[in-house]
Protein backbone atom coordinates (compact mmCIF):
# COMPACT_ATOMS: atom_id res chain seq x y z
CA MET A 1 171.52 144.44 23.61
CA PHE A 2 170.39 144.26 27.20
CA PHE A 3 171.39 146.75 29.86
CA ILE A 4 171.36 145.91 33.57
CA LEU A 5 172.28 148.23 36.42
CA GLU A 6 172.37 147.52 40.15
CA LYS A 7 171.77 150.31 42.63
CA THR A 8 174.93 149.82 44.66
CA ASP A 9 177.10 152.17 46.70
CA GLY A 10 177.86 155.31 44.74
CA CYS A 11 174.84 155.01 42.43
CA THR A 12 172.75 158.15 42.90
CA TYR A 13 169.12 158.90 42.16
CA GLU A 14 170.34 161.07 39.27
CA ASP A 15 172.21 158.04 37.87
CA LEU A 16 168.95 156.06 37.98
CA LEU A 17 167.12 158.84 36.15
CA ARG A 18 169.80 159.04 33.45
CA PHE A 19 169.74 155.26 33.01
CA ASP A 20 165.94 155.28 32.80
CA ASN A 21 166.08 157.99 30.13
CA LEU A 22 168.41 156.03 27.85
CA SER A 23 166.68 155.34 24.56
CA TYR A 24 167.29 151.59 24.77
CA PRO A 25 164.21 149.40 25.30
CA ASN A 26 165.89 146.44 27.02
CA LYS A 27 167.08 147.80 30.34
CA VAL A 28 166.48 147.14 34.03
CA VAL A 29 167.87 148.57 37.23
CA LEU A 30 167.80 146.35 40.32
CA THR A 31 167.07 148.47 43.39
CA HIS A 32 166.76 148.07 47.16
CA LYS A 33 163.45 149.93 47.37
CA PRO A 34 160.62 150.84 45.01
CA TYR A 35 161.18 153.77 42.66
CA PRO A 36 157.75 154.40 41.09
CA ASP A 37 159.06 157.22 38.90
CA ILE A 38 161.84 155.03 37.40
CA LYS A 39 160.11 152.91 34.74
CA CYS A 40 162.86 150.31 34.44
CA ALA A 41 163.34 149.83 38.23
CA PHE A 42 162.78 146.45 39.86
CA GLN A 43 163.02 146.07 43.64
CA ILE A 44 165.02 143.13 44.95
CA LYS A 45 163.43 142.37 48.30
CA GLY A 46 165.76 141.80 51.22
CA TYR A 47 167.92 144.90 50.77
CA GLU A 48 165.55 147.55 52.12
CA LYS A 49 167.63 148.22 55.26
CA GLN A 50 171.01 148.20 53.49
CA GLY A 51 170.41 151.22 51.28
CA SER A 52 171.68 149.48 48.14
CA VAL A 53 171.77 146.13 46.38
CA THR A 54 174.90 144.19 47.29
CA ASP A 55 175.78 140.57 46.58
CA SER A 56 172.50 139.93 44.75
CA TYR A 57 174.17 136.88 43.22
CA ARG A 58 174.35 135.09 46.58
CA TYR A 59 171.90 132.32 47.42
CA TYR A 60 169.07 132.38 49.93
CA LYS A 61 169.94 130.43 53.06
CA ILE A 62 167.46 127.61 52.40
CA LEU A 63 166.45 127.98 48.74
CA PRO A 64 168.53 127.12 45.68
CA LYS A 65 167.79 130.59 44.26
CA ARG A 66 169.81 133.76 44.13
CA PHE A 67 168.41 137.08 45.31
CA TYR A 68 168.42 138.49 41.77
CA ASP A 69 166.24 135.57 40.65
CA GLN A 70 163.26 137.54 41.98
CA PHE A 71 163.43 139.26 38.59
CA ASN A 72 161.95 137.33 35.65
CA TRP A 73 165.12 137.01 33.56
CA SER A 74 163.50 134.65 31.04
CA LYS A 75 160.74 137.14 30.22
CA PHE A 76 163.22 140.03 30.07
CA LEU A 77 165.61 138.24 27.71
CA ASN A 78 162.87 136.84 25.47
CA GLN A 79 160.91 140.06 24.93
């Protein structure tokens, strides 16, 4: 199983810590800023000023990529 969490409105730092402490190896949390103490955190650039990750599935204005494609999904799913 794979577990994915997005740091959106309502998700607290404590929620991130609890998610990080789950005993499952295949997990990632997509965040708006770096969290060096959260091992499974991955920052999605472009959300720093918003305070959370919202609409990460939308496309860049000029690229045929979604914001969450900054994360290496292929590597994550094939580990």
